[in-house]
Amino acid sequence: MNVTREYDEPARSTRETDYIASTGEGADGLVRIELDGAGRLWDVVLAPQVTELTVDELRTALFDAITGAQAAMPATAFDTAVADVNTTAERRFAEISEALHDLSRRAARR
């Protein structure tokens, strides 16, 4: 195990199927966070000028980059499937409600 890995060597997931799905930046681009398709940390990219930031500025930049990357994550297949099911259920409910309303109006005319 190489505990002295070069800092400029990007951190990478060990799975071949992973890819950068989302990025977020902080401190006007001095800090960049990259997340893979599962939302796991893929890489942390720091510009050399990051050393000029105070600890609080660096903390804020990291927080902004992480939350930005999380917010930019594309919807997962599960999220999309749930949204599709909800849309279908709402449409069916509207159809049933309309049919019941029509039946109610017809019954009232008799």
PDB file of N, CA and C in Angstrom:
ATOM      1  N   MET A   1       0.838  -1.176   0.000  1.00  0.00           N
ATOM      2  CA  MET A   1       0.000   0.000   0.000  1.00  0.00           C
ATOM      3  C   MET A   1       0.884   1.240   0.000  1.00  0.00           C
ATOM      4  N   ASN A   2       0.635   2.144  -0.928  1.00  0.00           N
ATOM      5  CA  ASN A   2       1.431   3.358  -1.036  1.00  0.00           C
ATOM      6  C   ASN A   2       0.709   4.495  -0.323  1.00  0.00           C
ATOM      7  N   VAL A   3       1.133   4.804   0.891  1.00  0.00           N
ATOM      8  CA  VAL A   3       0.485   5.865   1.663  1.00  0.00           C
ATOM      9  C   VAL A   3       0.987   7.247   1.269  1.00  0.00           C
ATOM     10  N   THR A   4       1.992   7.299   0.432  1.00  0.00           N
ATOM     11  CA  THR A   4       2.528   8.585  -0.014  1.00  0.00           C
ATOM     12  C   THR A   4       2.137   8.859  -1.466  1.00  0.00           C
ATOM     13  N   ARG A   5       0.932   8.484  -1.813  1.00  0.00           N
ATOM     14  CA  ARG A   5       0.440   8.687  -3.173  1.00  0.00           C
ATOM     15  C   ARG A   5       0.568  10.161  -3.544  1.00  0.00           C
ATOM     16  N   GLU A   6       0.964  10.420  -4.759  1.00  0.00           N
ATOM     17  CA  GLU A   6       1.109  11.803  -5.209  1.00  0.00           C
ATOM     18  C   GLU A   6      -0.220  12.527  -5.109  1.00  0.00           C
ATOM     19  N   TYR A   7      -0.217  13.759  -4.623  1.00  0.00           N
ATOM     20  CA  TYR A   7      -1.446  14.521  -4.454  1.00  0.00           C
ATOM     21  C   TYR A   7      -2.054  14.936  -5.777  1.00  0.00           C
ATOM     22  N   ASP A   8      -1.245  15.031  -6.829  1.00  0.00           N
ATOM     23  CA  ASP A   8      -1.822  15.424  -8.112  1.00  0.00           C
ATOM     24  C   ASP A   8      -2.402  14.225  -8.871  1.00  0.00           C
ATOM     25  N   GLU A   9      -2.222  13.032  -8.329  1.00  0.00           N
ATOM     26  CA  GLU A   9      -2.844  11.846  -8.926  1.00  0.00           C
ATOM     27  C   GLU A   9      -4.309  11.832  -8.531  1.00  0.00           C
ATOM     28  N   PRO A  10      -5.232  11.854  -9.524  1.00  0.00           N
ATOM     29  CA  PRO A  10      -6.644  11.935  -9.176  1.00  0.00           C
ATOM     30  C   PRO A  10      -7.136  10.700  -8.436  1.00  0.00           C
ATOM     31  N   ALA A  11      -7.987  10.933  -7.458  1.00  0.00           N
ATOM     32  CA  ALA A  11      -8.634   9.829  -6.748  1.00  0.00           C
ATOM     33  C   ALA A  11      -9.660   9.227  -7.688  1.00  0.00           C
ATOM     34  N   ARG A  12      -9.662   7.947  -7.828  1.00  0.00           N
ATOM     35  CA  ARG A  12     -10.571   7.296  -8.762  1.00  0.00           C
ATOM     36  C   ARG A  12     -11.229   6.105  -8.096  1.00  0.00           C
ATOM     37  N   SER A  13     -12.464   5.878  -8.473  1.00  0.00           N
ATOM     38  CA  SER A  13     -13.186   4.712  -7.993  1.00  0.00           C
ATOM     39  C   SER A  13     -12.562   3.480  -8.632  1.00  0.00           C
ATOM     40  N   THR A  14     -12.716   2.349  -7.983  1.00  0.00           N
ATOM     41  CA  THR A  14     -12.123   1.119  -8.506  1.00  0.00           C
ATOM     42  C   THR A  14     -13.048   0.412  -9.492  1.00  0.00           C
ATOM     43  N   ARG A  15     -14.280   0.876  -9.611  1.00  0.00           N
ATOM     44  CA  ARG A  15     -15.221   0.225 -10.528  1.00  0.00           C
ATOM     45  C   ARG A  15     -15.110   0.827 -11.916  1.00  0.00           C
ATOM     46  N   GLU A  16     -15.034  -0.023 -12.922  1.00  0.00           N
ATOM     47  CA  GLU A  16     -14.899   0.436 -14.299  1.00  0.00           C
ATOM     48  C   GLU A  16     -16.132   1.184 -14.783  1.00  0.00           C
ATOM     49  N   THR A  17     -17.289   0.862 -14.231  1.00  0.00           N
ATOM     50  CA  THR A  17     -18.536   1.442 -14.727  1.00  0.00           C
ATOM     51  C   THR A  17     -18.807   2.831 -14.183  1.00  0.00           C
ATOM     52  N   ASP A  18     -17.975   3.320 -13.267  1.00  0.00           N
ATOM     53  CA  ASP A  18     -18.195   4.635 -12.695  1.00  0.00           C
ATOM     54  C   ASP A  18     -17.744   5.715 -13.678  1.00  0.00           C
ATOM     55  N   TYR A  19     -18.331   6.864 -13.550  1.00  0.00           N
ATOM     56  CA  TYR A  19     -18.014   7.994 -14.401  1.00  0.00           C
ATOM     57  C   TYR A  19     -18.349   9.269 -13.637  1.00  0.00           C
ATOM     58  N   ILE A  20     -17.816  10.380 -14.082  1.00  0.00           N
ATOM     59  CA  ILE A  20     -18.138  11.644 -13.437  1.00  0.00           C
ATOM     60  C   ILE A  20     -19.534  12.032 -13.881  1.00  0.00           C
ATOM     61  N   ALA A  21     -20.443  12.075 -12.918  1.00  0.00           N
ATOM     62  CA  ALA A  21     -21.831  12.398 -13.223  1.00  0.00           C
ATOM     63  C   ALA A  21     -22.178  13.825 -12.851  1.00  0.00           C
ATOM     64  N   SER A  22     -21.415  14.409 -11.937  1.00  0.00           N
ATOM     65  CA  SER A  22     -21.764  15.730 -11.440  1.00  0.00           C
ATOM     66  C   SER A  22     -20.528  16.417 -10.890  1.00  0.00           C
ATOM     67  N   THR A  23     -20.494  17.732 -11.054  1.00  0.00           N
ATOM     68  CA  THR A  23     -19.415  18.520 -10.473  1.00  0.00           C
ATOM     69  C   THR A  23     -19.997  19.746  -9.787  1.00  0.00           C
ATOM     70  N   GLY A  24     -19.270  20.234  -8.819  1.00  0.00           N
ATOM     71  CA  GLY A  24     -19.634  21.468  -8.138  1.00  0.00           C
ATOM     72  C   GLY A  24     -18.370  22.243  -7.844  1.00  0.00           C
ATOM     73  N   GLU A  25     -18.494  23.572  -7.828  1.00  0.00           N
ATOM     74  CA  GLU A  25     -17.322  24.403  -7.601  1.00  0.00           C
ATOM     75  C   GLU A  25     -17.546  25.363  -6.450  1.00  0.00           C
ATOM     76  N   GLY A  26     -16.439  25.784  -5.866  1.00  0.00           N
ATOM     77  CA  GLY A  26     -16.461  26.781  -4.808  1.00  0.00           C
ATOM     78  C   GLY A  26     -15.302  27.732  -4.981  1.00  0.00           C
ATOM     79  N   ALA A  27     -15.387  28.872  -4.324  1.00  0.00           N
ATOM     80  CA  ALA A  27     -14.329  29.895  -4.368  1.00  0.00           C
ATOM     81  C   ALA A  27     -13.969  30.251  -5.806  1.00  0.00           C
ATOM     82  N   ASP A  28     -15.000  30.533  -6.594  1.00  0.00           N
ATOM     83  CA  ASP A  28     -14.803  30.940  -7.998  1.00  0.00           C
ATOM     84  C   ASP A  28     -13.969  29.936  -8.789  1.00  0.00           C
ATOM     85  N   GLY A  29     -14.193  28.654  -8.542  1.00  0.00           N
ATOM     86  CA  GLY A  29     -13.517  27.612  -9.306  1.00  0.00           C
ATOM     87  C   GLY A  29     -12.206  27.130  -8.727  1.00  0.00           C
ATOM     88  N   LEU A  30     -11.789  27.662  -7.594  1.00  0.00           N
ATOM     89  CA  LEU A  30     -10.537  27.195  -6.996  1.00  0.00           C
ATOM     90  C   LEU A  30     -10.685  25.778  -6.429  1.00  0.00           C
ATOM     91  N   VAL A  31     -11.912  25.406  -6.089  1.00  0.00           N
ATOM     92  CA  VAL A  31     -12.209  24.083  -5.544  1.00  0.00           C
ATOM     93  C   VAL A  31     -13.258  23.439  -6.433  1.00  0.00           C
ATOM     94  N   ARG A  32     -13.007  22.209  -6.855  1.00  0.00           N
ATOM     95  CA  ARG A  32     -13.991  21.460  -7.649  1.00  0.00           C
ATOM     96  C   ARG A  32     -14.150  20.063  -7.061  1.00  0.00           C
ATOM     97  N   ILE A  33     -15.396  19.672  -6.878  1.00  0.00           N
ATOM     98  CA  ILE A  33     -15.734  18.333  -6.396  1.00  0.00           C
ATOM     99  C   ILE A  33     -16.405  17.588  -7.535  1.00  0.00           C
ATOM    100  N   GLU A  34     -15.987  16.343  -7.759  1.00  0.00           N
ATOM    101  CA  GLU A  34     -16.590  15.505  -8.795  1.00  0.00           C
ATOM    102  C   GLU A  34     -17.190  14.269  -8.138  1.00  0.00           C
ATOM    103  N   LEU A  35     -18.429  13.958  -8.502  1.00  0.00           N
ATOM    104  CA  LEU A  35     -19.118  12.782  -7.988  1.00  0.00           C
ATOM    105  C   LEU A  35     -19.342  11.790  -9.115  1.00  0.00           C
ATOM    106  N   ASP A  36     -19.294  10.491  -8.775  1.00  0.00           N
ATOM    107  CA  ASP A  36     -19.549   9.470  -9.788  1.00  0.00           C
ATOM    108  C   ASP A  36     -21.055   9.250  -9.926  1.00  0.00           C
ATOM    109  N   GLY A  37     -21.432   8.307 -10.786  1.00  0.00           N
ATOM    110  CA  GLY A  37     -22.839   8.046 -11.071  1.00  0.00           C
ATOM    111  C   GLY A  37     -23.644   7.583  -9.879  1.00  0.00           C
ATOM    112  N   ALA A  38     -22.987   7.084  -8.850  1.00  0.00           N
ATOM    113  CA  ALA A  38     -23.683   6.646  -7.641  1.00  0.00           C
ATOM    114  C   ALA A  38     -23.670   7.729  -6.558  1.00  0.00           C
ATOM    115  N   GLY A  39     -23.124   8.899  -6.888  1.00  0.00           N
ATOM    116  CA  GLY A  39     -23.071   9.993  -5.924  1.00  0.00           C
ATOM    117  C   GLY A  39     -21.895   9.932  -4.977  1.00  0.00           C
ATOM    118  N   ARG A  40     -20.951   9.025  -5.247  1.00  0.00           N
ATOM    119  CA  ARG A  40     -19.747   8.927  -4.411  1.00  0.00           C
ATOM    120  C   ARG A  40     -18.686   9.901  -4.912  1.00  0.00           C
ATOM    121  N   LEU A  41     -17.816  10.280  -4.002  1.00  0.00           N
ATOM    122  CA  LEU A  41     -16.731  11.187  -4.356  1.00  0.00           C
ATOM    123  C   LEU A  41     -15.832  10.543  -5.401  1.00  0.00           C
ATOM    124  N   TRP A  42     -15.618  11.232  -6.500  1.00  0.00           N
ATOM    125  CA  TRP A  42     -14.769  10.743  -7.581  1.00  0.00           C
ATOM    126  C   TRP A  42     -13.418  11.444  -7.515  1.00  0.00           C
ATOM    127  N   ASP A  43     -13.455  12.777  -7.302  1.00  0.00           N
ATOM    128  CA  ASP A  43     -12.198  13.512  -7.252  1.00  0.00           C
ATOM    129  C   ASP A  43     -12.411  14.853  -6.551  1.00  0.00           C
ATOM    130  N   VAL A  44     -11.335  15.360  -5.972  1.00  0.00           N
ATOM    131  CA  VAL A  44     -11.291  16.704  -5.396  1.00  0.00           C
ATOM    132  C   VAL A  44     -10.166  17.417  -6.128  1.00  0.00           C
ATOM    133  N   VAL A  45     -10.505  18.517  -6.784  1.00  0.00           N
ATOM    134  CA  VAL A  45      -9.516  19.265  -7.556  1.00  0.00           C
ATOM    135  C   VAL A  45      -9.339  20.631  -6.896  1.00  0.00           C
ATOM    136  N   LEU A  46      -8.097  20.910  -6.504  1.00  0.00           N
ATOM    137  CA  LEU A  46      -7.780  22.177  -5.848  1.00  0.00           C
ATOM    138  C   LEU A  46      -6.774  22.938  -6.695  1.00  0.00           C
ATOM    139  N   ALA A  47      -7.097  24.179  -7.017  1.00  0.00           N
ATOM    140  CA  ALA A  47      -6.154  25.034  -7.739  1.00  0.00           C
ATOM    141  C   ALA A  47      -5.040  25.444  -6.781  1.00  0.00           C
ATOM    142  N   PRO A  48      -3.852  25.693  -7.280  1.00  0.00           N
ATOM    143  CA  PRO A  48      -2.749  26.097  -6.405  1.00  0.00           C
ATOM    144  C   PRO A  48      -3.069  27.348  -5.570  1.00  0.00           C
ATOM    145  N   GLN A  49      -3.912  28.227  -6.081  1.00  0.00           N
ATOM    146  CA  GLN A  49      -4.256  29.460  -5.372  1.00  0.00           C
ATOM    147  C   GLN A  49      -5.107  29.196  -4.127  1.00  0.00           C
ATOM    148  N   VAL A  50      -5.533  27.950  -3.920  1.00  0.00           N
ATOM    149  CA  VAL A  50      -6.350  27.620  -2.754  1.00  0.00           C
ATOM    150  C   VAL A  50      -5.576  27.887  -1.459  1.00  0.00           C
ATOM    151  N   THR A  51      -4.260  27.898  -1.534  1.00  0.00           N
ATOM    152  CA  THR A  51      -3.447  28.152  -0.340  1.00  0.00           C
ATOM    153  C   THR A  51      -3.592  29.588   0.154  1.00  0.00           C
ATOM    154  N   GLU A  52      -4.111  30.467  -0.696  1.00  0.00           N
ATOM    155  CA  GLU A  52      -4.309  31.867  -0.309  1.00  0.00           C
ATOM    156  C   GLU A  52      -5.611  32.064   0.476  1.00  0.00           C
ATOM    157  N   LEU A  53      -6.458  31.036   0.521  1.00  0.00           N
ATOM    158  CA  LEU A  53      -7.726  31.140   1.239  1.00  0.00           C
ATOM    159  C   LEU A  53      -7.523  30.938   2.734  1.00  0.00           C
ATOM    160  N   THR A  54      -8.349  31.588   3.511  1.00  0.00           N
ATOM    161  CA  THR A  54      -8.342  31.328   4.954  1.00  0.00           C
ATOM    162  C   THR A  54      -9.019  29.982   5.186  1.00  0.00           C
ATOM    163  N   VAL A  55      -8.892  29.461   6.380  1.00  0.00           N
ATOM    164  CA  VAL A  55      -9.525  28.185   6.714  1.00  0.00           C
ATOM    165  C   VAL A  55     -11.035  28.280   6.527  1.00  0.00           C
ATOM    166  N   ASP A  56     -11.643  29.379   6.972  1.00  0.00           N
ATOM    167  CA  ASP A  56     -13.088  29.548   6.822  1.00  0.00           C
ATOM    168  C   ASP A  56     -13.487  29.645   5.354  1.00  0.00           C
ATOM    169  N   GLU A  57     -12.695  30.329   4.548  1.00  0.00           N
ATOM    170  CA  GLU A  57     -12.989  30.439   3.120  1.00  0.00           C
ATOM    171  C   GLU A  57     -12.870  29.078   2.439  1.00  0.00           C
ATOM    172  N   LEU A  58     -11.858  28.310   2.828  1.00  0.00           N
ATOM    173  CA  LEU A  58     -11.684  26.975   2.264  1.00  0.00           C
ATOM    174  C   LEU A  58     -12.840  26.067   2.655  1.00  0.00           C
ATOM    175  N   ARG A  59     -13.241  26.131   3.919  1.00  0.00           N
ATOM    176  CA  ARG A  59     -14.380  25.334   4.397  1.00  0.00           C
ATOM    177  C   ARG A  59     -15.629  25.682   3.597  1.00  0.00           C
ATOM    178  N   THR A  60     -15.893  26.966   3.421  1.00  0.00           N
ATOM    179  CA  THR A  60     -17.063  27.413   2.655  1.00  0.00           C
ATOM    180  C   THR A  60     -16.973  26.955   1.206  1.00  0.00           C
ATOM    181  N   ALA A  61     -15.784  27.062   0.620  1.00  0.00           N
ATOM    182  CA  ALA A  61     -15.593  26.644  -0.769  1.00  0.00           C
ATOM    183  C   ALA A  61     -15.852  25.149  -0.931  1.00  0.00           C
ATOM    184  N   LEU A  62     -15.354  24.352   0.004  1.00  0.00           N
ATOM    185  CA  LEU A  62     -15.591  22.907  -0.054  1.00  0.00           C
ATOM    186  C   LEU A  62     -17.079  22.597   0.107  1.00  0.00           C
ATOM    187  N   PHE A  63     -17.706  23.253   1.056  1.00  0.00           N
ATOM    188  CA  PHE A  63     -19.135  23.044   1.285  1.00  0.00           C
ATOM    189  C   PHE A  63     -19.928  23.423   0.039  1.00  0.00           C
ATOM    190  N   ASP A  64     -19.625  24.579  -0.554  1.00  0.00           N
ATOM    191  CA  ASP A  64     -20.322  25.020  -1.763  1.00  0.00           C
ATOM    192  C   ASP A  64     -20.128  24.036  -2.907  1.00  0.00           C
ATOM    193  N   ALA A  65     -18.903  23.548  -3.069  1.00  0.00           N
ATOM    194  CA  ALA A  65     -18.611  22.610  -4.155  1.00  0.00           C
ATOM    195  C   ALA A  65     -19.346  21.285  -3.959  1.00  0.00           C
ATOM    196  N   ILE A  66     -19.356  20.787  -2.727  1.00  0.00           N
ATOM    197  CA  ILE A  66     -20.028  19.512  -2.443  1.00  0.00           C
ATOM    198  C   ILE A  66     -21.529  19.637  -2.643  1.00  0.00           C
ATOM    199  N   THR A  67     -22.139  20.680  -2.074  1.00  0.00           N
ATOM    200  CA  THR A  67     -23.591  20.827  -2.217  1.00  0.00           C
ATOM    201  C   THR A  67     -23.976  21.109  -3.662  1.00  0.00           C
ATOM    202  N   GLY A  68     -23.123  21.842  -4.385  1.00  0.00           N
ATOM    203  CA  GLY A  68     -23.381  22.086  -5.805  1.00  0.00           C
ATOM    204  C   GLY A  68     -23.350  20.807  -6.616  1.00  0.00           C
ATOM    205  N   ALA A  69     -22.370  19.950  -6.336  1.00  0.00           N
ATOM    206  CA  ALA A  69     -22.273  18.677  -7.054  1.00  0.00           C
ATOM    207  C   ALA A  69     -23.449  17.773  -6.720  1.00  0.00           C
ATOM    208  N   GLN A  70     -23.854  17.759  -5.448  1.00  0.00           N
ATOM    209  CA  GLN A  70     -24.998  16.936  -5.064  1.00  0.00           C
ATOM    210  C   GLN A  70     -26.277  17.432  -5.724  1.00  0.00           C
ATOM    211  N   ALA A  71     -26.457  18.745  -5.780  1.00  0.00           N
ATOM    212  CA  ALA A  71     -27.670  19.307  -6.382  1.00  0.00           C
ATOM    213  C   ALA A  71     -27.719  19.062  -7.885  1.00  0.00           C
ATOM    214  N   ALA A  72     -26.553  18.948  -8.510  1.00  0.00           N
ATOM    215  CA  ALA A  72     -26.500  18.754  -9.961  1.00  0.00           C
ATOM    216  C   ALA A  72     -26.569  17.287 -10.380  1.00  0.00           C
ATOM    217  N   MET A  73     -26.667  16.382  -9.397  1.00  0.00           N
ATOM    218  CA  MET A  73     -26.727  14.955  -9.735  1.00  0.00           C
ATOM    219  C   MET A  73     -27.966  14.667 -10.580  1.00  0.00           C
ATOM    220  N   PRO A  74     -27.795  13.945 -11.669  1.00  0.00           N
ATOM    221  CA  PRO A  74     -28.966  13.579 -12.468  1.00  0.00           C
ATOM    222  C   PRO A  74     -29.863  12.615 -11.696  1.00  0.00           C
ATOM    223  N   ALA A  75     -31.114  12.617 -12.056  1.00  0.00           N
ATOM    224  CA  ALA A  75     -32.063  11.707 -11.411  1.00  0.00           C
ATOM    225  C   ALA A  75     -31.647  10.266 -11.684  1.00  0.00           C
ATOM    226  N   THR A  76     -31.800   9.433 -10.684  1.00  0.00           N
ATOM    227  CA  THR A  76     -31.485   8.020 -10.871  1.00  0.00           C
ATOM    228  C   THR A  76     -32.635   7.340 -11.594  1.00  0.00           C
ATOM    229  N   ALA A  77     -32.403   6.149 -12.051  1.00  0.00           N
ATOM    230  CA  ALA A  77     -33.452   5.383 -12.727  1.00  0.00           C
ATOM    231  C   ALA A  77     -34.629   5.166 -11.781  1.00  0.00           C
ATOM    232  N   PHE A  78     -34.338   4.959 -10.502  1.00  0.00           N
ATOM    233  CA  PHE A  78     -35.416   4.762  -9.525  1.00  0.00           C
ATOM    234  C   PHE A  78     -36.264   6.018  -9.402  1.00  0.00           C
ATOM    235  N   ASP A  79     -35.602   7.183  -9.302  1.00  0.00           N
ATOM    236  CA  ASP A  79     -36.337   8.442  -9.201  1.00  0.00           C
ATOM    237  C   ASP A  79     -37.216   8.657 -10.425  1.00  0.00           C
ATOM    238  N   THR A  80     -36.677   8.351 -11.592  1.00  0.00           N
ATOM    239  CA  THR A  80     -37.434   8.508 -12.822  1.00  0.00           C
ATOM    240  C   THR A  80     -38.622   7.549 -12.844  1.00  0.00           C
ATOM    241  N   ALA A  81     -38.404   6.304 -12.414  1.00  0.00           N
ATOM    242  CA  ALA A  81     -39.487   5.322 -12.387  1.00  0.00           C
ATOM    243  C   ALA A  81     -40.590   5.747 -11.424  1.00  0.00           C
ATOM    244  N   VAL A  82     -40.222   6.253 -10.262  1.00  0.00           N
ATOM    245  CA  VAL A  82     -41.220   6.722  -9.287  1.00  0.00           C
ATOM    246  C   VAL A  82     -42.014   7.885  -9.871  1.00  0.00           C
ATOM    247  N   ALA A  83     -41.334   8.811 -10.522  1.00  0.00           N
ATOM    248  CA  ALA A  83     -42.019   9.948 -11.134  1.00  0.00           C
ATOM    249  C   ALA A  83     -42.985   9.476 -12.212  1.00  0.00           C
ATOM    250  N   ASP A  84     -42.572   8.487 -13.017  1.00  0.00           N
ATOM    251  CA  ASP A  84     -43.448   7.944 -14.055  1.00  0.00           C
ATOM    252  C   ASP A  84     -44.678   7.276 -13.448  1.00  0.00           C
ATOM    253  N   VAL A  85     -44.475   6.514 -12.386  1.00  0.00           N
ATOM    254  CA  VAL A  85     -45.595   5.844 -11.714  1.00  0.00           C
ATOM    255  C   VAL A  85     -46.547   6.882 -11.138  1.00  0.00           C
ATOM    256  N   ASN A  86     -46.012   7.918 -10.525  1.00  0.00           N
ATOM    257  CA  ASN A  86     -46.859   8.979  -9.969  1.00  0.00           C
ATOM    258  C   ASN A  86     -47.674   9.667 -11.058  1.00  0.00           C
ATOM    259  N   THR A  87     -47.040   9.964 -12.171  1.00  0.00           N
ATOM    260  CA  THR A  87     -47.741  10.615 -13.278  1.00  0.00           C
ATOM    261  C   THR A  87     -48.856   9.727 -13.812  1.00  0.00           C
ATOM    262  N   THR A  88     -48.565   8.443 -13.990  1.00  0.00           N
ATOM    263  CA  THR A  88     -49.575   7.505 -14.467  1.00  0.00           C
ATOM    264  C   THR A  88     -50.722   7.383 -13.468  1.00  0.00           C
ATOM    265  N   ALA A  89     -50.391   7.296 -12.192  1.00  0.00           N
ATOM    266  CA  ALA A  89     -51.428   7.172 -11.162  1.00  0.00           C
ATOM    267  C   ALA A  89     -52.307   8.419 -11.128  1.00  0.00           C
ATOM    268  N   GLU A  90     -51.712   9.582 -11.228  1.00  0.00           N
ATOM    269  CA  GLU A  90     -52.495  10.817 -11.242  1.00  0.00           C
ATOM    270  C   GLU A  90     -53.420  10.874 -12.454  1.00  0.00           C
ATOM    271  N   ARG A  91     -52.936  10.459 -13.606  1.00  0.00           N
ATOM    272  CA  ARG A  91     -53.757  10.450 -14.821  1.00  0.00           C
ATOM    273  C   ARG A  91     -54.920   9.481 -14.671  1.00  0.00           C
ATOM    274  N   ARG A  92     -54.636   8.287 -14.148  1.00  0.00           N
ATOM    275  CA  ARG A  92     -55.707   7.284 -13.946  1.00  0.00           C
ATOM    276  C   ARG A  92     -56.734   7.789 -12.936  1.00  0.00           C
ATOM    277  N   PHE A  93     -56.273   8.399 -11.864  1.00  0.00           N
ATOM    278  CA  PHE A  93     -57.183   8.921 -10.857  1.00  0.00           C
ATOM    279  C   PHE A  93     -58.082   9.996 -11.459  1.00  0.00           C
ATOM    280  N   ALA A  94     -57.511  10.850 -12.298  1.00  0.00           N
ATOM    281  CA  ALA A  94     -58.302  11.883 -12.971  1.00  0.00           C
ATOM    282  C   ALA A  94     -59.349  11.257 -13.886  1.00  0.00           C
ATOM    283  N   GLU A  95     -58.978  10.196 -14.599  1.00  0.00           N
ATOM    284  CA  GLU A  95     -59.929   9.504 -15.469  1.00  0.00           C
ATOM    285  C   GLU A  95     -61.061   8.878 -14.663  1.00  0.00           C
ATOM    286  N   ILE A  96     -60.711   8.244 -13.557  1.00  0.00           N
ATOM    287  CA  ILE A  96     -61.726   7.618 -12.695  1.00  0.00           C
ATOM    288  C   ILE A  96     -62.635   8.682 -12.097  1.00  0.00           C
ATOM    289  N   SER A  97     -62.055   9.776 -11.639  1.00  0.00           N
ATOM    290  CA  SER A  97     -62.851  10.863 -11.060  1.00  0.00           C
ATOM    291  C   SER A  97     -63.824  11.432 -12.084  1.00  0.00           C
ATOM    292  N   GLU A  98     -63.348  11.611 -13.304  1.00  0.00           N
ATOM    293  CA  GLU A  98     -64.221  12.127 -14.360  1.00  0.00           C
ATOM    294  C   GLU A  98     -65.339  11.145 -14.671  1.00  0.00           C
ATOM    295  N   ALA A  99     -65.025   9.856 -14.728  1.00  0.00           N
ATOM    296  CA  ALA A  99     -66.055   8.841 -14.991  1.00  0.00           C
ATOM    297  C   ALA A  99     -67.082   8.815 -13.868  1.00  0.00           C
ATOM    298  N   LEU A 100     -66.641   8.880 -12.620  1.00  0.00           N
ATOM    299  CA  LEU A 100     -67.577   8.906 -11.494  1.00  0.00           C
ATOM    300  C   LEU A 100     -68.439  10.166 -11.514  1.00  0.00           C
ATOM    301  N   HIS A 101     -67.858  11.271 -11.883  1.00  0.00           N
ATOM    302  CA  HIS A 101     -68.611  12.524 -11.981  1.00  0.00           C
ATOM    303  C   HIS A 101     -69.682  12.413 -13.069  1.00  0.00           C
ATOM    304  N   ASP A 102     -69.319  11.844 -14.218  1.00  0.00           N
ATOM    305  CA  ASP A 102     -70.283  11.638 -15.304  1.00  0.00           C
ATOM    306  C   ASP A 102     -71.419  10.717 -14.860  1.00  0.00           C
ATOM    307  N   LEU A 103     -71.070   9.632 -14.172  1.00  0.00           N
ATOM    308  CA  LEU A 103     -72.096   8.704 -13.668  1.00  0.00           C
ATOM    309  C   LEU A 103     -73.017   9.408 -12.672  1.00  0.00           C
ATOM    310  N   SER A 104     -72.435  10.231 -11.842  1.00  0.00           N
ATOM    311  CA  SER A 104     -73.224  10.975 -10.846  1.00  0.00           C
ATOM    312  C   SER A 104     -74.201  11.928 -11.524  1.00  0.00           C
ATOM    313  N   ARG A 105     -73.737  12.645 -12.562  1.00  0.00           N
ATOM    314  CA  ARG A 105     -74.608  13.565 -13.299  1.00  0.00           C
ATOM    315  C   ARG A 105     -75.735  12.813 -14.007  1.00  0.00           C
ATOM    316  N   ARG A 106     -75.411  11.665 -14.604  1.00  0.00           N
ATOM    317  CA  ARG A 106     -76.434  10.855 -15.290  1.00  0.00           C
ATOM    318  C   ARG A 106     -77.470  10.347 -14.308  1.00  0.00           C
ATOM    319  N   ALA A 107     -77.012   9.906 -13.150  1.00  0.00           N
ATOM    320  CA  ALA A 107     -77.942   9.385 -12.124  1.00  0.00           C
ATOM    321  C   ALA A 107     -78.849  10.509 -11.620  1.00  0.00           C
ATOM    322  N   ALA A 108     -78.341  11.705 -11.516  1.00  0.00           N
ATOM    323  CA  ALA A 108     -79.129  12.827 -11.022  1.00  0.00           C
ATOM    324  C   ALA A 108     -80.206  13.238 -12.034  1.00  0.00           C
ATOM    325  N   ARG A 109     -79.967  13.021 -13.325  1.00  0.00           N
ATOM    326  CA  ARG A 109     -80.953  13.355 -14.357  1.00  0.00           C
ATOM    327  C   ARG A 109     -82.131  12.400 -14.371  1.00  0.00           C
ATOM    328  N   ARG A 110     -81.969  11.201 -13.883  1.00  0.00           N
ATOM    329  CA  ARG A 110     -83.025  10.184 -13.938  1.00  0.00           C
ATOM    330  C   ARG A 110     -84.017  10.349 -12.869  1.00  0.00           C
TER     331      ARG A 110
END
